Amino acid sequence: MMTADMLIAHNMAFDLPFISMELARINQPIPSKGAFCTMENGRWATFNGKSPKLSELCFALDVSYDQAAAHAADYDVEVMMQCFFKCVYRGVFKLV
């Protein structure tokens, strides 16, 4: 984590307190460029503009999503990052 510029999560409002607590426990700062939430920035992926579930974001981006594997942290991070990089590549997510 020491080399990370930014935190990326699908539900940052939920994840950030846990991440902050763990970083503090090992005396590490939150990355300098802050945080990016794929859920908040992925509203385009739903027909009504609501924050998408990770499965909805995957569907919109044609990223394979295995319901049986879902909600295991490592699996969720893997598919979330596939979505994130597809969106960056397509210019949907703009990182400043």
C-alpha atoms as a PDB file:
ATOM      1  CA  MET A   1       0.000   0.000   0.000  1.00  0.00           C
ATOM      2  CA  MET A   2       2.958   2.337   0.511  1.00  0.00           C
ATOM      3  CA  THR A   3       3.317   2.823  -3.239  1.00  0.00           C
ATOM      4  CA  ALA A   4      -0.377   3.407  -3.955  1.00  0.00           C
ATOM      5  CA  ASP A   5      -1.386   6.834  -5.233  1.00  0.00           C
ATOM      6  CA  MET A   6      -5.109   6.307  -4.792  1.00  0.00           C
ATOM      7  CA  LEU A   7      -7.614   4.036  -3.070  1.00  0.00           C
ATOM      8  CA  ILE A   8     -10.192   2.454  -5.355  1.00  0.00           C
ATOM      9  CA  ALA A   9     -13.287   0.685  -4.044  1.00  0.00           C
ATOM     10  CA  HIS A  10     -16.767  -0.144  -5.241  1.00  0.00           C
ATOM     11  CA  ASN A  11     -18.498   1.272  -2.150  1.00  0.00           C
ATOM     12  CA  MET A  12     -15.954   3.711  -0.735  1.00  0.00           C
ATOM     13  CA  ALA A  13     -18.336   5.127   1.889  1.00  0.00           C
ATOM     14  CA  PHE A  14     -18.557   1.637   3.399  1.00  0.00           C
ATOM     15  CA  ASP A  15     -14.942   0.569   2.836  1.00  0.00           C
ATOM     16  CA  LEU A  16     -12.998   3.712   3.786  1.00  0.00           C
ATOM     17  CA  PRO A  17     -13.441   3.482   7.583  1.00  0.00           C
ATOM     18  CA  PHE A  18     -12.122  -0.091   7.533  1.00  0.00           C
ATOM     19  CA  ILE A  19      -9.242   0.771   5.201  1.00  0.00           C
ATOM     20  CA  SER A  20      -8.341   3.855   7.269  1.00  0.00           C
ATOM     21  CA  MET A  21      -8.344   1.814  10.469  1.00  0.00           C
ATOM     22  CA  GLU A  22      -6.041  -0.814   8.952  1.00  0.00           C
ATOM     23  CA  LEU A  23      -3.677   1.805   7.509  1.00  0.00           C
ATOM     24  CA  ALA A  24      -3.513   3.554  10.896  1.00  0.00           C
ATOM     25  CA  ARG A  25      -2.812   0.214  12.584  1.00  0.00           C
ATOM     26  CA  ILE A  26       0.323  -0.205  10.451  1.00  0.00           C
ATOM     27  CA  ASN A  27       1.257   3.499  10.592  1.00  0.00           C
ATOM     28  CA  GLN A  28       0.555   4.178   6.918  1.00  0.00           C
ATOM     29  CA  PRO A  29      -1.153   7.291   5.551  1.00  0.00           C
ATOM     30  CA  ILE A  30      -4.122   7.266   3.210  1.00  0.00           C
ATOM     31  CA  PRO A  31      -2.736   7.658  -0.346  1.00  0.00           C
ATOM     32  CA  SER A  32      -2.170  11.266  -1.341  1.00  0.00           C
ATOM     33  CA  LYS A  33      -4.512  11.360  -4.332  1.00  0.00           C
ATOM     34  CA  GLY A  34      -7.452  10.266  -2.218  1.00  0.00           C
ATOM     35  CA  ALA A  35     -10.158   7.840  -3.149  1.00  0.00           C
ATOM     36  CA  PHE A  36     -12.207   6.791  -6.168  1.00  0.00           C
ATOM     37  CA  CYS A  37     -15.536   4.975  -5.881  1.00  0.00           C
ATOM     38  CA  THR A  38     -16.642   2.856  -8.835  1.00  0.00           C
ATOM     39  CA  MET A  39     -20.151   2.666  -7.371  1.00  0.00           C
ATOM     40  CA  GLU A  40     -20.648   6.444  -7.200  1.00  0.00           C
ATOM     41  CA  ASN A  41     -18.934   7.017 -10.537  1.00  0.00           C
ATOM     42  CA  GLY A  42     -20.741   4.113 -12.194  1.00  0.00           C
ATOM     43  CA  ARG A  43     -24.268   5.557 -12.133  1.00  0.00           C
ATOM     44  CA  TRP A  44     -24.238   5.629 -15.943  1.00  0.00           C
ATOM     45  CA  ALA A  45     -24.433   1.806 -15.833  1.00  0.00           C
ATOM     46  CA  THR A  46     -28.023   1.742 -14.532  1.00  0.00           C
ATOM     47  CA  PHE A  47     -31.089   2.817 -16.481  1.00  0.00           C
ATOM     48  CA  ASN A  48     -32.295   5.150 -13.705  1.00  0.00           C
ATOM     49  CA  GLY A  49     -28.921   6.553 -12.636  1.00  0.00           C
ATOM     50  CA  LYS A  50     -28.827   4.802  -9.272  1.00  0.00           C
ATOM     51  CA  SER A  51     -25.559   3.572  -7.825  1.00  0.00           C
ATOM     52  CA  PRO A  52     -24.990   0.151  -9.392  1.00  0.00           C
ATOM     53  CA  LYS A  53     -24.356  -3.062  -7.561  1.00  0.00           C
ATOM     54  CA  LEU A  54     -21.033  -4.549  -8.570  1.00  0.00           C
ATOM     55  CA  SER A  55     -22.923  -7.168 -10.595  1.00  0.00           C
ATOM     56  CA  GLU A  56     -24.746  -4.404 -12.502  1.00  0.00           C
ATOM     57  CA  LEU A  57     -21.512  -2.589 -13.280  1.00  0.00           C
ATOM     58  CA  CYS A  58     -19.993  -5.864 -14.502  1.00  0.00           C
ATOM     59  CA  PHE A  59     -23.027  -6.526 -16.701  1.00  0.00           C
ATOM     60  CA  ALA A  60     -22.834  -3.043 -18.250  1.00  0.00           C
ATOM     61  CA  LEU A  61     -19.154  -3.580 -19.070  1.00  0.00           C
ATOM     62  CA  ASP A  62     -19.396  -7.220 -20.171  1.00  0.00           C
ATOM     63  CA  VAL A  63     -17.192  -8.335 -17.277  1.00  0.00           C
ATOM     64  CA  SER A  64     -17.881 -11.903 -16.191  1.00  0.00           C
ATOM     65  CA  TYR A  65     -19.496 -11.999 -12.726  1.00  0.00           C
ATOM     66  CA  ASP A  66     -19.882 -15.230 -10.762  1.00  0.00           C
ATOM     67  CA  GLN A  67     -22.692 -14.888  -8.219  1.00  0.00           C
ATOM     68  CA  ALA A  68     -21.360 -17.919  -6.311  1.00  0.00           C
ATOM     69  CA  ALA A  69     -17.948 -16.277  -5.844  1.00  0.00           C
ATOM     70  CA  ALA A  70     -19.353 -12.814  -5.120  1.00  0.00           C
ATOM     71  CA  HIS A  71     -18.846 -11.043  -1.802  1.00  0.00           C
ATOM     72  CA  ALA A  72     -15.492 -12.683  -1.158  1.00  0.00           C
ATOM     73  CA  ALA A  73     -13.134  -9.714  -0.868  1.00  0.00           C
ATOM     74  CA  ASP A  74     -10.513 -11.026  -3.283  1.00  0.00           C
ATOM     75  CA  TYR A  75     -13.097 -11.870  -5.955  1.00  0.00           C
ATOM     76  CA  ASP A  76     -14.924  -8.560  -5.600  1.00  0.00           C
ATOM     77  CA  VAL A  77     -11.663  -6.617  -5.870  1.00  0.00           C
ATOM     78  CA  GLU A  78     -10.667  -8.584  -8.969  1.00  0.00           C
ATOM     79  CA  VAL A  79     -13.892  -7.894 -10.883  1.00  0.00           C
ATOM     80  CA  MET A  80     -14.122  -4.307  -9.602  1.00  0.00           C
ATOM     81  CA  MET A  81     -10.645  -3.597 -10.968  1.00  0.00           C
ATOM     82  CA  GLN A  82     -11.556  -5.172 -14.321  1.00  0.00           C
ATOM     83  CA  CYS A  83     -14.491  -2.743 -14.450  1.00  0.00           C
ATOM     84  CA  PHE A  84     -12.328   0.170 -13.312  1.00  0.00           C
ATOM     85  CA  PHE A  85      -9.657  -0.386 -15.964  1.00  0.00           C
ATOM     86  CA  LYS A  86     -12.254  -0.892 -18.719  1.00  0.00           C
ATOM     87  CA  CYS A  87     -13.829   2.432 -17.742  1.00  0.00           C
ATOM     88  CA  VAL A  88     -10.471   4.224 -17.639  1.00  0.00           C
ATOM     89  CA  TYR A  89      -9.521   2.757 -21.027  1.00  0.00           C
ATOM     90  CA  ARG A  90     -12.856   3.822 -22.540  1.00  0.00           C
ATOM     91  CA  GLY A  91     -12.614   7.298 -21.014  1.00  0.00           C
ATOM     92  CA  VAL A  92     -15.665   6.782 -18.787  1.00  0.00           C
ATOM     93  CA  PHE A  93     -13.681   7.287 -15.567  1.00  0.00           C
ATOM     94  CA  LYS A  94     -11.478  10.358 -15.667  1.00  0.00           C
ATOM     95  CA  LEU A  95      -8.695  10.426 -13.089  1.00  0.00           C
ATOM     96  CA  VAL A  96      -7.293  13.839 -12.315  1.00  0.00           C
END
